[in-house]
Amino acid sequence: MEGSMYTSKHYIPTMSLRNLLIDISIRKIIVGFRFRLLGEMWKPNFMRIVKLTDRGAIFTDELTKEFVFVSDLSDIVQFEIDDRHQEYQPHHHYEASPGYQQRGSVFFN
């Protein structure tokens, strides 16, 4: 069956990730966001969105009081949120990729 190897994971296109961040930012929803950049380990703490740029974002880690700059959202390969928002579940690792297309509510390569 086509795409069966992806049924246990949720693949999210970068554009959908951006739309999620825009929605959280505009509505000023208190949702923490944690991610892993390409070639790096997971960020240790959930962060809040400070600002979205044309291609990237600025986050703040409220525990360390540090800012985290992501120049290109397509560098985010995995992410999770700490509270339910829209169809996104808390503490679920989502795979982010610019090459995945939506078919129904599951994403396939």
Protein backbone atom coordinates (compact mmCIF):
# COMPACT_ATOMS: atom_id res chain seq x y z
CA MET A 1 0.00 0.00 0.00
CA GLU A 2 1.37 3.40 -0.96
CA GLY A 3 2.64 5.40 2.00
CA SER A 4 2.16 2.58 4.50
CA MET A 5 5.63 3.12 5.94
CA TYR A 6 4.51 6.60 7.05
CA THR A 7 1.38 5.62 8.96
CA SER A 8 3.06 5.70 12.38
CA LYS A 9 4.53 9.17 11.93
CA HIS A 10 3.07 12.55 11.04
CA TYR A 11 4.91 14.33 8.26
CA ILE A 12 4.21 18.06 8.14
CA PRO A 13 5.22 20.30 5.22
CA THR A 14 7.25 23.38 6.17
CA MET A 15 4.39 25.60 4.96
CA SER A 16 1.99 23.90 7.41
CA LEU A 17 4.55 24.36 10.19
CA ARG A 18 4.78 28.04 9.31
CA ASN A 19 0.96 28.32 9.34
CA LEU A 20 0.87 26.69 12.78
CA LEU A 21 3.42 29.19 14.12
CA ILE A 22 1.53 32.12 12.53
CA ASP A 23 -1.73 30.98 14.11
CA ILE A 24 -0.16 30.57 17.56
CA SER A 25 1.55 33.96 17.24
CA ILE A 26 -1.47 35.92 15.96
CA ARG A 27 -3.87 34.45 18.52
CA LYS A 28 -1.26 34.89 21.28
CA ILE A 29 -1.94 31.35 22.43
CA ILE A 30 0.24 30.07 25.26
CA VAL A 31 1.67 27.01 23.53
CA GLY A 32 5.28 25.98 23.99
CA PHE A 33 7.21 24.89 20.91
CA ARG A 34 10.26 22.61 20.95
CA PHE A 35 12.20 21.48 17.90
CA ARG A 36 15.25 19.83 16.43
CA LEU A 37 17.24 21.46 13.66
CA LEU A 38 18.91 19.50 10.88
CA GLY A 39 22.10 17.92 12.27
CA GLU A 40 21.41 19.01 15.86
CA MET A 41 19.88 17.58 19.03
CA TRP A 42 16.47 18.58 20.36
CA LYS A 43 16.28 21.98 22.05
CA PRO A 44 16.03 21.13 25.77
CA ASN A 45 13.08 23.39 26.65
CA PHE A 46 9.78 24.45 25.17
CA MET A 47 9.92 27.99 23.83
CA ARG A 48 7.55 30.81 22.95
CA ILE A 49 7.35 32.50 19.56
CA VAL A 50 8.68 36.06 19.65
CA LYS A 51 8.57 36.94 15.95
CA LEU A 52 8.20 35.35 12.54
CA THR A 53 10.34 36.59 9.67
CA ASP A 54 9.97 36.00 5.92
CA ARG A 55 11.61 32.57 6.18
CA GLY A 56 12.38 31.98 9.83
CA ALA A 57 11.45 32.75 13.41
CA ILE A 58 12.73 34.01 16.73
CA PHE A 59 11.88 32.06 19.88
CA THR A 60 12.53 32.70 23.54
CA ASP A 61 13.43 30.05 26.06
CA GLU A 62 11.63 31.27 29.17
CA LEU A 63 13.73 29.09 31.51
CA THR A 64 17.15 30.31 30.34
CA LYS A 65 15.93 33.74 29.13
CA GLU A 66 17.81 33.17 25.86
CA PHE A 67 16.64 33.90 22.32
CA VAL A 68 16.87 31.23 19.63
CA PHE A 69 17.07 32.38 16.01
CA VAL A 70 16.00 30.05 13.19
CA SER A 71 16.87 31.71 9.88
CA ASP A 72 14.96 29.17 7.77
CA LEU A 73 12.02 27.10 9.03
CA SER A 74 12.93 24.34 6.56
CA ASP A 75 15.93 23.64 8.84
CA ILE A 76 13.47 22.32 11.46
CA VAL A 77 13.25 18.56 10.97
CA GLN A 78 11.17 17.65 14.03
CA PHE A 79 8.95 19.57 16.41
CA GLU A 80 6.43 19.19 19.20
CA ILE A 81 4.09 21.45 21.14
CA ASP A 82 3.23 21.25 24.84
CA ASP A 83 -0.54 21.73 24.51
CA ARG A 84 -3.17 20.68 22.00
CA HIS A 85 -3.74 23.16 19.16
CA GLN A 86 -5.96 22.52 16.14
CA GLU A 87 -5.22 18.94 15.04
CA TYR A 88 -1.76 18.92 16.67
CA GLN A 89 -1.38 16.78 19.78
CA PRO A 90 0.85 17.70 22.74
CA HIS A 91 4.21 15.95 23.17
CA HIS A 92 3.94 14.17 19.81
CA HIS A 93 7.04 14.34 17.63
CA TYR A 94 6.10 15.63 14.19
CA GLU A 95 8.47 15.26 11.23
CA ALA A 96 8.84 18.51 9.26
CA SER A 97 9.91 18.47 5.65
CA PRO A 98 9.58 20.81 2.68
CA GLY A 99 9.13 17.79 0.37
CA TYR A 100 5.97 16.25 1.79
CA GLN A 101 2.51 16.75 0.31
CA GLN A 102 -0.83 16.33 2.03
CA ARG A 103 -3.19 13.48 1.12
CA GLY A 104 -6.20 13.68 3.39
CA SER A 105 -5.01 14.29 6.94
CA VAL A 106 -1.79 12.23 6.66
CA PHE A 107 1.32 13.41 4.85
CA PHE A 108 3.25 11.27 2.38
CA ASN A 109 6.43 11.65 0.39
